[in-house]
């Protein structure tokens, strides 16, 4: 189902096109493959007699050739799911058409979703999210386009919001994606999106901001990530599977293309009377069998370890 509002600007020019579209109960498919990264499409409802959409081939393993020549691999060192975003290419191409007035999308200013189902598919394995509401606003100028949206997602740990914007520029031939999440539990995202496996280490409420710079073909060329952590459990690599209960903290990361890694800028975790500030890097690579491998290099910058007994003095951590 869909609710449409006509564009009077289009009618004035002798055309019929919507200015606002609200889709009710749609099924959206977010697919990840090694070849195309993340891509987006609509699916037919179960039992629909309408022709099915073309089947999307999704490889379960990443091509090992991507690791044979890291210099030729855009986004090397990043999680594989972020190295190529087909969605950015779609945004760039659709925005260019809209700016030129080539199709009806040039008159579209608002898109809404109500009671949507978001299906994430990787290699035929699907996970489902419920999206009660999403609203997107579009603005097109002569040389650039701006898309802004707000999405509410239901999860087993409660609802969380996802605010985003994208700017496509003819001058730079780049797409900038910005996103802000609030009240999300990262481990629930990792459970739904297996390529983001490292987020399973964070079983606590978090709010964060992400900025990605991509080419108009979807290749990632830069980015920054920040997370503010509330009280909960975190699993650190050197503690094995033993969770650490923290009171709060922050994680700040930046993608460095030259180092082909995510740099962890000084980030602080606090628990009880203790705190530690860490820095380092984390990188992803593709193994000979096509599996994604993770490498961590972390060190303490400063901090202190203190027992719960207030009578015992803390031990300062040296870098």
C-alpha atoms as a PDB file:
ATOM      1  CA  UNK A   1       0.000   0.000   0.000  1.00  0.00           C
ATOM      2  CA  UNK A   2       1.088   3.588  -0.577  1.00  0.00           C
ATOM      3  CA  UNK A   3      -0.237   7.074   0.056  1.00  0.00           C
ATOM      4  CA  UNK A   4       0.679   9.690  -2.549  1.00  0.00           C
ATOM      5  CA  UNK A   5       0.603  13.478  -2.593  1.00  0.00           C
ATOM      6  CA  UNK A   6       0.837  15.058  -6.056  1.00  0.00           C
ATOM      7  CA  UNK A   7       3.455  17.610  -7.002  1.00  0.00           C
ATOM      8  CA  UNK A   8       1.807  20.851  -8.086  1.00  0.00           C
ATOM      9  CA  UNK A   9       5.127  21.921  -9.562  1.00  0.00           C
ATOM     10  CA  UNK A  10       4.955  18.890 -11.826  1.00  0.00           C
ATOM     11  CA  UNK A  11       1.322  19.598 -12.758  1.00  0.00           C
ATOM     12  CA  UNK A  12       2.257  23.173 -13.622  1.00  0.00           C
ATOM     13  CA  UNK A  13       4.758  21.803 -16.153  1.00  0.00           C
ATOM     14  CA  UNK A  14       2.206  19.398 -17.627  1.00  0.00           C
ATOM     15  CA  UNK A  15       3.486  16.263 -15.876  1.00  0.00           C
ATOM     16  CA  UNK A  16       2.024  13.952 -13.231  1.00  0.00           C
ATOM     17  CA  UNK A  17       4.433  13.038 -10.433  1.00  0.00           C
ATOM     18  CA  UNK A  18       4.264  12.652  -6.646  1.00  0.00           C
ATOM     19  CA  UNK A  19       5.822  15.100  -4.217  1.00  0.00           C
ATOM     20  CA  UNK A  20       5.400  12.783  -1.238  1.00  0.00           C
ATOM     21  CA  UNK A  21       5.157   8.982  -1.045  1.00  0.00           C
ATOM     22  CA  UNK A  22       4.386   6.991   2.107  1.00  0.00           C
ATOM     23  CA  UNK A  23       4.768   3.205   1.802  1.00  0.00           C
ATOM     24  CA  UNK A  24       2.700   1.161   4.241  1.00  0.00           C
ATOM     25  CA  UNK A  25       3.956  -2.273   5.258  1.00  0.00           C
ATOM     26  CA  UNK A  26       6.748  -2.562   2.655  1.00  0.00           C
ATOM     27  CA  UNK A  27       9.405  -5.301   2.695  1.00  0.00           C
ATOM     28  CA  UNK A  28      12.914  -3.953   2.107  1.00  0.00           C
ATOM     29  CA  UNK A  29      15.902  -6.143   1.259  1.00  0.00           C
ATOM     30  CA  UNK A  30      19.428  -5.139   2.266  1.00  0.00           C
ATOM     31  CA  UNK A  31      21.864  -7.549   0.612  1.00  0.00           C
ATOM     32  CA  UNK A  32      25.581  -7.994   1.247  1.00  0.00           C
ATOM     33  CA  UNK A  33      27.866  -9.698  -1.277  1.00  0.00           C
ATOM     34  CA  UNK A  34      31.639  -9.620  -1.605  1.00  0.00           C
ATOM     35  CA  UNK A  35      31.368  -8.296  -5.160  1.00  0.00           C
ATOM     36  CA  UNK A  36      28.966  -5.404  -4.632  1.00  0.00           C
ATOM     37  CA  UNK A  37      29.076  -4.738  -0.890  1.00  0.00           C
ATOM     38  CA  UNK A  38      25.751  -3.469   0.480  1.00  0.00           C
ATOM     39  CA  UNK A  39      22.855  -3.045  -1.946  1.00  0.00           C
ATOM     40  CA  UNK A  40      19.194  -2.236  -1.440  1.00  0.00           C
ATOM     41  CA  UNK A  41      15.940  -3.330  -3.109  1.00  0.00           C
ATOM     42  CA  UNK A  42      12.269  -4.041  -2.471  1.00  0.00           C
ATOM     43  CA  UNK A  43      10.860  -7.578  -2.144  1.00  0.00           C
ATOM     44  CA  UNK A  44       7.463  -9.025  -2.929  1.00  0.00           C
ATOM     45  CA  UNK A  45       5.183  -9.977  -0.021  1.00  0.00           C
ATOM     46  CA  UNK A  46       4.930 -13.676   0.774  1.00  0.00           C
ATOM     47  CA  UNK A  47       2.156 -15.221  -1.321  1.00  0.00           C
ATOM     48  CA  UNK A  48       2.107 -12.352  -3.813  1.00  0.00           C
ATOM     49  CA  UNK A  49       1.145 -13.312  -7.359  1.00  0.00           C
ATOM     50  CA  UNK A  50       3.177 -10.497  -8.810  1.00  0.00           C
ATOM     51  CA  UNK A  51       6.343 -11.465 -10.683  1.00  0.00           C
ATOM     52  CA  UNK A  52       9.213 -12.070  -8.323  1.00  0.00           C
ATOM     53  CA  UNK A  53      12.188  -9.787  -8.374  1.00  0.00           C
ATOM     54  CA  UNK A  54      15.317 -11.168 -10.029  1.00  0.00           C
ATOM     55  CA  UNK A  55      17.190 -13.414  -7.650  1.00  0.00           C
ATOM     56  CA  UNK A  56      20.224 -11.751  -6.142  1.00  0.00           C
ATOM     57  CA  UNK A  57      23.309 -13.926  -6.099  1.00  0.00           C
ATOM     58  CA  UNK A  58      25.126 -13.611  -2.789  1.00  0.00           C
ATOM     59  CA  UNK A  59      28.423 -15.305  -2.124  1.00  0.00           C
ATOM     60  CA  UNK A  60      28.872 -16.647   1.376  1.00  0.00           C
ATOM     61  CA  UNK A  61      32.611 -16.060   1.331  1.00  0.00           C
ATOM     62  CA  UNK A  62      34.721 -13.134   0.260  1.00  0.00           C
ATOM     63  CA  UNK A  63      37.018 -13.389  -2.697  1.00  0.00           C
ATOM     64  CA  UNK A  64      40.514 -14.197  -1.461  1.00  0.00           C
ATOM     65  CA  UNK A  65      41.955 -12.236  -4.381  1.00  0.00           C
ATOM     66  CA  UNK A  66      41.046  -9.074  -2.487  1.00  0.00           C
ATOM     67  CA  UNK A  67      43.892  -9.772  -0.098  1.00  0.00           C
ATOM     68  CA  UNK A  68      46.470 -10.562  -2.750  1.00  0.00           C
ATOM     69  CA  UNK A  69      47.011  -6.918  -3.610  1.00  0.00           C
ATOM     70  CA  UNK A  70      45.916  -4.635  -0.750  1.00  0.00           C
ATOM     71  CA  UNK A  71      46.896  -1.506  -2.661  1.00  0.00           C
ATOM     72  CA  UNK A  72      44.223  -2.249  -5.274  1.00  0.00           C
ATOM     73  CA  UNK A  73      41.545  -2.984  -2.675  1.00  0.00           C
ATOM     74  CA  UNK A  74      39.507   0.161  -1.838  1.00  0.00           C
ATOM     75  CA  UNK A  75      38.926   0.423   1.888  1.00  0.00           C
ATOM     76  CA  UNK A  76      41.543  -2.226   2.715  1.00  0.00           C
ATOM     77  CA  UNK A  77      41.678  -2.805   6.469  1.00  0.00           C
ATOM     78  CA  UNK A  78      38.037  -1.878   7.002  1.00  0.00           C
ATOM     79  CA  UNK A  79      35.276  -4.375   7.749  1.00  0.00           C
ATOM     80  CA  UNK A  80      34.507  -5.958   4.380  1.00  0.00           C
ATOM     81  CA  UNK A  81      30.900  -4.787   4.574  1.00  0.00           C
ATOM     82  CA  UNK A  82      32.074  -1.142   4.443  1.00  0.00           C
ATOM     83  CA  UNK A  83      34.663  -1.395   1.658  1.00  0.00           C
ATOM     84  CA  UNK A  84      32.151  -1.099  -1.159  1.00  0.00           C
ATOM     85  CA  UNK A  85      28.715   0.467  -0.660  1.00  0.00           C
ATOM     86  CA  UNK A  86      26.554  -0.026  -3.735  1.00  0.00           C
ATOM     87  CA  UNK A  87      23.988   2.155  -1.995  1.00  0.00           C
ATOM     88  CA  UNK A  88      26.307   5.156  -2.443  1.00  0.00           C
ATOM     89  CA  UNK A  89      26.474   4.532  -6.192  1.00  0.00           C
ATOM     90  CA  UNK A  90      22.669   4.323  -6.359  1.00  0.00           C
ATOM     91  CA  UNK A  91      22.363   7.600  -4.418  1.00  0.00           C
ATOM     92  CA  UNK A  92      24.865   9.329  -6.722  1.00  0.00           C
ATOM     93  CA  UNK A  93      23.161   8.151  -9.917  1.00  0.00           C
ATOM     94  CA  UNK A  94      19.599   8.834  -8.729  1.00  0.00           C
ATOM     95  CA  UNK A  95      20.569  12.283  -7.421  1.00  0.00           C
ATOM     96  CA  UNK A  96      22.210  13.169 -10.742  1.00  0.00           C
ATOM     97  CA  UNK A  97      19.056  12.209 -12.651  1.00  0.00           C
ATOM     98  CA  UNK A  98      16.885  14.188 -10.246  1.00  0.00           C
ATOM     99  CA  UNK A  99      19.062  17.316 -10.610  1.00  0.00           C
ATOM    100  CA  UNK A 100      18.777  17.060 -14.386  1.00  0.00           C
ATOM    101  CA  UNK A 101      14.989  16.606 -14.217  1.00  0.00           C
ATOM    102  CA  UNK A 102      15.203  13.398 -16.261  1.00  0.00           C
ATOM    103  CA  UNK A 103      12.468  11.518 -14.393  1.00  0.00           C
ATOM    104  CA  UNK A 104       9.652  11.856 -11.877  1.00  0.00           C
ATOM    105  CA  UNK A 105      12.044  11.623  -8.916  1.00  0.00           C
ATOM    106  CA  UNK A 106      13.098  15.222  -9.577  1.00  0.00           C
ATOM    107  CA  UNK A 107       9.735  16.296  -8.089  1.00  0.00           C
ATOM    108  CA  UNK A 108       9.881  13.951  -5.079  1.00  0.00           C
ATOM    109  CA  UNK A 109      10.541  15.741  -1.788  1.00  0.00           C
ATOM    110  CA  UNK A 110       9.476  13.276   0.929  1.00  0.00           C
ATOM    111  CA  UNK A 111       9.456   9.487   1.354  1.00  0.00           C
ATOM    112  CA  UNK A 112       7.936   7.718   4.336  1.00  0.00           C
ATOM    113  CA  UNK A 113       7.761   4.142   5.593  1.00  0.00           C
ATOM    114  CA  UNK A 114       5.202   2.794   8.047  1.00  0.00           C
ATOM    115  CA  UNK A 115       5.391  -0.664   9.646  1.00  0.00           C
ATOM    116  CA  UNK A 116       8.176  -1.767   7.313  1.00  0.00           C
ATOM    117  CA  UNK A 117      10.116  -5.036   7.406  1.00  0.00           C
ATOM    118  CA  UNK A 118      13.857  -4.754   6.767  1.00  0.00           C
ATOM    119  CA  UNK A 119      15.490  -8.022   5.686  1.00  0.00           C
ATOM    120  CA  UNK A 120      19.284  -8.320   5.781  1.00  0.00           C
ATOM    121  CA  UNK A 121      20.517 -11.108   3.493  1.00  0.00           C
ATOM    122  CA  UNK A 122      24.033 -12.519   3.385  1.00  0.00           C
ATOM    123  CA  UNK A 123      24.587 -15.706   1.442  1.00  0.00           C
ATOM    124  CA  UNK A 124      20.934 -16.696   1.739  1.00  0.00           C
ATOM    125  CA  UNK A 125      20.951 -16.306   5.531  1.00  0.00           C
ATOM    126  CA  UNK A 126      18.370 -13.699   6.484  1.00  0.00           C
ATOM    127  CA  UNK A 127      17.746 -11.627   9.588  1.00  0.00           C
ATOM    128  CA  UNK A 128      14.754  -9.363  10.077  1.00  0.00           C
ATOM    129  CA  UNK A 129      14.284  -5.949  11.662  1.00  0.00           C
ATOM    130  CA  UNK A 130      10.978  -4.156  12.184  1.00  0.00           C
ATOM    131  CA  UNK A 131      10.840  -0.473  11.271  1.00  0.00           C
ATOM    132  CA  UNK A 132       7.692   1.207  12.672  1.00  0.00           C
ATOM    133  CA  UNK A 133       8.467   4.542  11.040  1.00  0.00           C
ATOM    134  CA  UNK A 134      10.969   6.165   8.726  1.00  0.00           C
ATOM    135  CA  UNK A 135      10.888   9.577   7.081  1.00  0.00           C
ATOM    136  CA  UNK A 136      13.229  10.888   4.387  1.00  0.00           C
ATOM    137  CA  UNK A 137      13.463  14.407   2.926  1.00  0.00           C
ATOM    138  CA  UNK A 138      15.118  15.162  -0.426  1.00  0.00           C
ATOM    139  CA  UNK A 139      16.542  18.430  -1.735  1.00  0.00           C
ATOM    140  CA  UNK A 140      18.199  18.875  -5.131  1.00  0.00           C
ATOM    141  CA  UNK A 141      20.271  21.857  -6.248  1.00  0.00           C
ATOM    142  CA  UNK A 142      22.165  22.411  -9.493  1.00  0.00           C
ATOM    143  CA  UNK A 143      25.380  20.655  -8.494  1.00  0.00           C
ATOM    144  CA  UNK A 144      24.529  18.749  -5.317  1.00  0.00           C
ATOM    145  CA  UNK A 145      21.750  16.792  -3.637  1.00  0.00           C
ATOM    146  CA  UNK A 146      20.960  16.410   0.056  1.00  0.00           C
ATOM    147  CA  UNK A 147      18.988  13.493   1.543  1.00  0.00           C
ATOM    148  CA  UNK A 148      18.084  13.459   5.242  1.00  0.00           C
ATOM    149  CA  UNK A 149      16.143  10.882   7.223  1.00  0.00           C
ATOM    150  CA  UNK A 150      15.071   9.570  10.616  1.00  0.00           C
ATOM    151  CA  UNK A 151      14.403   5.853  11.200  1.00  0.00           C
ATOM    152  CA  UNK A 152      13.015   4.058  14.265  1.00  0.00           C
ATOM    153  CA  UNK A 153      14.014   0.386  14.624  1.00  0.00           C
ATOM    154  CA  UNK A 154      12.561  -2.190  17.011  1.00  0.00           C
ATOM    155  CA  UNK A 155      14.902  -4.683  18.675  1.00  0.00           C
ATOM    156  CA  UNK A 156      14.909  -7.209  21.490  1.00  0.00           C
ATOM    157  CA  UNK A 157      16.663  -4.624  23.691  1.00  0.00           C
ATOM    158  CA  UNK A 158      14.139  -1.869  22.962  1.00  0.00           C
ATOM    159  CA  UNK A 159      13.666   0.647  20.126  1.00  0.00           C
ATOM    160  CA  UNK A 160      16.521   2.791  18.823  1.00  0.00           C
ATOM    161  CA  UNK A 161      16.718   5.639  16.334  1.00  0.00           C
ATOM    162  CA  UNK A 162      18.913   6.121  13.295  1.00  0.00           C
ATOM    163  CA  UNK A 163      19.320   9.602  11.829  1.00  0.00           C
ATOM    164  CA  UNK A 164      21.203   9.987   8.558  1.00  0.00           C
ATOM    165  CA  UNK A 165      22.048  12.336   5.722  1.00  0.00           C
ATOM    166  CA  UNK A 166      23.783  11.946   2.385  1.00  0.00           C
ATOM    167  CA  UNK A 167      25.228  14.626   0.129  1.00  0.00           C
ATOM    168  CA  UNK A 168      26.129  13.858  -3.477  1.00  0.00           C
ATOM    169  CA  UNK A 169      28.288  16.397  -5.314  1.00  0.00           C
ATOM    170  CA  UNK A 170      28.971  16.732  -9.025  1.00  0.00           C
ATOM    171  CA  UNK A 171      32.033  18.883  -8.348  1.00  0.00           C
ATOM    172  CA  UNK A 172      33.889  16.301  -6.228  1.00  0.00           C
ATOM    173  CA  UNK A 173      32.216  13.170  -7.644  1.00  0.00           C
ATOM    174  CA  UNK A 174      31.869  12.002  -4.065  1.00  0.00           C
ATOM    175  CA  UNK A 175      29.085  10.999  -1.701  1.00  0.00           C
ATOM    176  CA  UNK A 176      29.262  11.913   1.992  1.00  0.00           C
ATOM    177  CA  UNK A 177      27.178   9.794   4.354  1.00  0.00           C
ATOM    178  CA  UNK A 178      26.536  10.876   7.941  1.00  0.00           C
ATOM    179  CA  UNK A 179      24.629   8.902  10.532  1.00  0.00           C
ATOM    180  CA  UNK A 180      23.756   9.230  14.199  1.00  0.00           C
ATOM    181  CA  UNK A 181      22.355   6.374  16.278  1.00  0.00           C
ATOM    182  CA  UNK A 182      20.799   6.739  19.690  1.00  0.00           C
ATOM    183  CA  UNK A 183      20.115   4.121  22.383  1.00  0.00           C
ATOM    184  CA  UNK A 184      21.330   1.188  20.288  1.00  0.00           C
ATOM    185  CA  UNK A 185      22.919  -1.947  21.756  1.00  0.00           C
ATOM    186  CA  UNK A 186      25.783  -2.672  19.290  1.00  0.00           C
ATOM    187  CA  UNK A 187      25.742  -6.433  19.922  1.00  0.00           C
ATOM    188  CA  UNK A 188      22.158  -6.611  18.598  1.00  0.00           C
ATOM    189  CA  UNK A 189      23.302  -4.912  15.388  1.00  0.00           C
ATOM    190  CA  UNK A 190      26.161  -7.423  15.020  1.00  0.00           C
ATOM    191  CA  UNK A 191      23.744 -10.305  15.519  1.00  0.00           C
ATOM    192  CA  UNK A 192      21.652  -8.973  12.619  1.00  0.00           C
ATOM    193  CA  UNK A 193      24.633  -7.936  10.462  1.00  0.00           C
ATOM    194  CA  UNK A 194      27.331 -10.655  10.730  1.00  0.00           C
ATOM    195  CA  UNK A 195      29.967  -8.631   8.807  1.00  0.00           C
ATOM    196  CA  UNK A 196      30.024  -6.230  11.786  1.00  0.00           C
ATOM    197  CA  UNK A 197      31.052  -9.038  14.145  1.00  0.00           C
ATOM    198  CA  UNK A 198      33.384  -6.909  16.348  1.00  0.00           C
ATOM    199  CA  UNK A 199      30.322  -5.032  17.646  1.00  0.00           C
ATOM    200  CA  UNK A 200      29.337  -8.209  19.514  1.00  0.00           C
ATOM    201  CA  UNK A 201      31.868  -7.133  22.135  1.00  0.00           C
ATOM    202  CA  UNK A 202      29.574  -4.256  23.189  1.00  0.00           C
ATOM    203  CA  UNK A 203      26.505  -5.434  25.137  1.00  0.00           C
ATOM    204  CA  UNK A 204      25.463  -2.048  26.427  1.00  0.00           C
ATOM    205  CA  UNK A 205      23.430   0.986  25.331  1.00  0.00           C
ATOM    206  CA  UNK A 206      25.386   3.332  23.085  1.00  0.00           C
ATOM    207  CA  UNK A 207      24.951   6.456  21.015  1.00  0.00           C
ATOM    208  CA  UNK A 208      27.267   7.328  18.176  1.00  0.00           C
ATOM    209  CA  UNK A 209      28.064   9.270  15.044  1.00  0.00           C
ATOM    210  CA  UNK A 210      29.522   8.051  11.759  1.00  0.00           C
ATOM    211  CA  UNK A 211      30.837   9.987   8.762  1.00  0.00           C
ATOM    212  CA  UNK A 212      31.869   8.201   5.549  1.00  0.00           C
ATOM    213  CA  UNK A 213      33.397   9.701   2.405  1.00  0.00           C
ATOM    214  CA  UNK A 214      32.871   7.592  -0.710  1.00  0.00           C
ATOM    215  CA  UNK A 215      33.431   7.912  -4.423  1.00  0.00           C
ATOM    216  CA  UNK A 216      30.342   8.070  -6.629  1.00  0.00           C
ATOM    217  CA  UNK A 217      30.991   4.364  -7.339  1.00  0.00           C
ATOM    218  CA  UNK A 218      30.692   3.479  -3.647  1.00  0.00           C
ATOM    219  CA  UNK A 219      34.381   3.029  -2.770  1.00  0.00           C
ATOM    220  CA  UNK A 220      35.194   4.194   0.744  1.00  0.00           C
ATOM    221  CA  UNK A 221      38.016   6.738   0.911  1.00  0.00           C
ATOM    222  CA  UNK A 222      37.688   8.075   4.453  1.00  0.00           C
ATOM    223  CA  UNK A 223      35.594   7.956   7.581  1.00  0.00           C
ATOM    224  CA  UNK A 224      35.290   8.543  11.305  1.00  0.00           C
ATOM    225  CA  UNK A 225      33.333   6.733  14.008  1.00  0.00           C
ATOM    226  CA  UNK A 226      32.540   7.721  17.598  1.00  0.00           C
ATOM    227  CA  UNK A 227      30.566   5.914  20.304  1.00  0.00           C
ATOM    228  CA  UNK A 228      29.483   7.042  23.773  1.00  0.00           C
ATOM    229  CA  UNK A 229      28.972   3.987  25.975  1.00  0.00           C
ATOM    230  CA  UNK A 230      26.581   3.639  28.913  1.00  0.00           C
ATOM    231  CA  UNK A 231      26.744   1.072  31.713  1.00  0.00           C
ATOM    232  CA  UNK A 232      26.913  -2.523  30.516  1.00  0.00           C
ATOM    233  CA  UNK A 233      29.243  -5.327  29.459  1.00  0.00           C
ATOM    234  CA  UNK A 234      32.190  -5.177  27.085  1.00  0.00           C
ATOM    235  CA  UNK A 235      34.459  -8.014  25.961  1.00  0.00           C
ATOM    236  CA  UNK A 236      38.101  -7.009  25.473  1.00  0.00           C
ATOM    237  CA  UNK A 237      40.374  -9.206  23.290  1.00  0.00           C
ATOM    238  CA  UNK A 238      42.929  -9.800  26.048  1.00  0.00           C
ATOM    239  CA  UNK A 239      40.240 -10.939  28.520  1.00  0.00           C
ATOM    240  CA  UNK A 240      39.061 -13.803  26.296  1.00  0.00           C
ATOM    241  CA  UNK A 241      35.314 -14.375  26.667  1.00  0.00           C
ATOM    242  CA  UNK A 242      35.195 -12.844  30.146  1.00  0.00           C
ATOM    243  CA  UNK A 243      32.910  -9.768  30.054  1.00  0.00           C
ATOM    244  CA  UNK A 244      33.935  -6.603  31.840  1.00  0.00           C
ATOM    245  CA  UNK A 245      31.160  -4.548  33.432  1.00  0.00           C
ATOM    246  CA  UNK A 246      31.873  -0.873  32.799  1.00  0.00           C
ATOM    247  CA  UNK A 247      30.225   2.285  34.051  1.00  0.00           C
ATOM    248  CA  UNK A 248      30.701   4.107  30.751  1.00  0.00           C
ATOM    249  CA  UNK A 249      33.221   5.356  28.248  1.00  0.00           C
ATOM    250  CA  UNK A 250      33.865   6.423  24.690  1.00  0.00           C
ATOM    251  CA  UNK A 251      35.384   4.934  21.535  1.00  0.00           C
ATOM    252  CA  UNK A 252      36.738   7.148  18.760  1.00  0.00           C
ATOM    253  CA  UNK A 253      37.978   5.649  15.489  1.00  0.00           C
ATOM    254  CA  UNK A 254      39.188   7.072  12.194  1.00  0.00           C
ATOM    255  CA  UNK A 255      39.877   5.262   8.942  1.00  0.00           C
ATOM    256  CA  UNK A 256      43.407   5.785   7.653  1.00  0.00           C
ATOM    257  CA  UNK A 257      43.680   4.672   3.976  1.00  0.00           C
ATOM    258  CA  UNK A 258      47.491   4.825   4.036  1.00  0.00           C
ATOM    259  CA  UNK A 259      47.683   2.510   7.064  1.00  0.00           C
ATOM    260  CA  UNK A 260      44.783   0.422   5.748  1.00  0.00           C
ATOM    261  CA  UNK A 261      43.335   0.254   9.267  1.00  0.00           C
ATOM    262  CA  UNK A 262      40.855   1.807  11.646  1.00  0.00           C
ATOM    263  CA  UNK A 263      42.876   3.926  14.051  1.00  0.00           C
ATOM    264  CA  UNK A 264      41.600   3.910  17.617  1.00  0.00           C
ATOM    265  CA  UNK A 265      42.216   7.398  18.929  1.00  0.00           C
ATOM    266  CA  UNK A 266      42.610   7.788  22.718  1.00  0.00           C
ATOM    267  CA  UNK A 267      39.399   6.307  24.135  1.00  0.00           C
ATOM    268  CA  UNK A 268      38.494   5.846  27.779  1.00  0.00           C
ATOM    269  CA  UNK A 269      36.652   3.069  29.628  1.00  0.00           C
ATOM    270  CA  UNK A 270      35.687   3.366  33.297  1.00  0.00           C
ATOM    271  CA  UNK A 271      34.530   0.723  35.771  1.00  0.00           C
ATOM    272  CA  UNK A 272      34.274   0.936  39.546  1.00  0.00           C
ATOM    273  CA  UNK A 273      37.174   3.105  40.738  1.00  0.00           C
ATOM    274  CA  UNK A 274      39.267   2.168  37.686  1.00  0.00           C
ATOM    275  CA  UNK A 275      39.692   3.709  34.281  1.00  0.00           C
ATOM    276  CA  UNK A 276      41.951   3.138  31.288  1.00  0.00           C
ATOM    277  CA  UNK A 277      42.582   5.117  28.119  1.00  0.00           C
ATOM    278  CA  UNK A 278      43.540   2.983  25.135  1.00  0.00           C
ATOM    279  CA  UNK A 279      44.755   3.654  21.589  1.00  0.00           C
ATOM    280  CA  UNK A 280      45.846   1.542  18.644  1.00  0.00           C
ATOM    281  CA  UNK A 281      44.272   0.116  15.524  1.00  0.00           C
ATOM    282  CA  UNK A 282      42.028  -2.641  14.263  1.00  0.00           C
ATOM    283  CA  UNK A 283      42.109  -4.015  10.715  1.00  0.00           C
ATOM    284  CA  UNK A 284      40.238  -6.553   8.671  1.00  0.00           C
ATOM    285  CA  UNK A 285      41.757  -8.762   5.973  1.00  0.00           C
ATOM    286  CA  UNK A 286      40.602 -11.627   3.801  1.00  0.00           C
ATOM    287  CA  UNK A 287      42.213 -15.016   4.462  1.00  0.00           C
ATOM    288  CA  UNK A 288      43.168 -17.630   1.835  1.00  0.00           C
ATOM    289  CA  UNK A 289      39.853 -19.441   2.390  1.00  0.00           C
ATOM    290  CA  UNK A 290      37.848 -16.252   1.868  1.00  0.00           C
ATOM    291  CA  UNK A 291      36.970 -15.768   5.536  1.00  0.00           C
ATOM    292  CA  UNK A 292      37.277 -12.330   7.107  1.00  0.00           C
ATOM    293  CA  UNK A 293      40.079 -12.058   9.692  1.00  0.00           C
ATOM    294  CA  UNK A 294      40.481  -9.381  12.369  1.00  0.00           C
ATOM    295  CA  UNK A 295      43.724  -8.027  13.788  1.00  0.00           C
ATOM    296  CA  UNK A 296      43.903  -5.865  16.935  1.00  0.00           C
ATOM    297  CA  UNK A 297      46.842  -3.782  18.145  1.00  0.00           C
ATOM    298  CA  UNK A 298      45.950  -1.955  21.359  1.00  0.00           C
ATOM    299  CA  UNK A 299      47.934  -0.296  24.126  1.00  0.00           C
ATOM    300  CA  UNK A 300      47.139   1.737  27.212  1.00  0.00           C
ATOM    301  CA  UNK A 301      47.858   5.468  27.170  1.00  0.00           C
ATOM    302  CA  UNK A 302      47.117   6.216  30.795  1.00  0.00           C
ATOM    303  CA  UNK A 303      44.757   5.309  33.603  1.00  0.00           C
ATOM    304  CA  UNK A 304      44.601   3.550  36.917  1.00  0.00           C
ATOM    305  CA  UNK A 305      43.462   0.246  38.387  1.00  0.00           C
ATOM    306  CA  UNK A 306      41.773   0.465  41.758  1.00  0.00           C
ATOM    307  CA  UNK A 307      40.140  -2.271  43.867  1.00  0.00           C
ATOM    308  CA  UNK A 308      36.598  -1.779  45.077  1.00  0.00           C
ATOM    309  CA  UNK A 309      37.980  -1.391  48.595  1.00  0.00           C
ATOM    310  CA  UNK A 310      38.361   2.367  48.948  1.00  0.00           C
ATOM    311  CA  UNK A 311      41.052   1.879  51.578  1.00  0.00           C
ATOM    312  CA  UNK A 312      43.475   0.352  49.050  1.00  0.00           C
ATOM    313  CA  UNK A 313      45.433   2.805  46.895  1.00  0.00           C
ATOM    314  CA  UNK A 314      45.023   2.711  43.090  1.00  0.00           C
ATOM    315  CA  UNK A 315      47.803   1.577  40.757  1.00  0.00           C
ATOM    316  CA  UNK A 316      48.636   4.038  38.012  1.00  0.00           C
ATOM    317  CA  UNK A 317      48.940   2.650  34.468  1.00  0.00           C
ATOM    318  CA  UNK A 318      51.952   3.782  32.515  1.00  0.00           C
ATOM    319  CA  UNK A 319      51.920   4.010  28.731  1.00  0.00           C
END
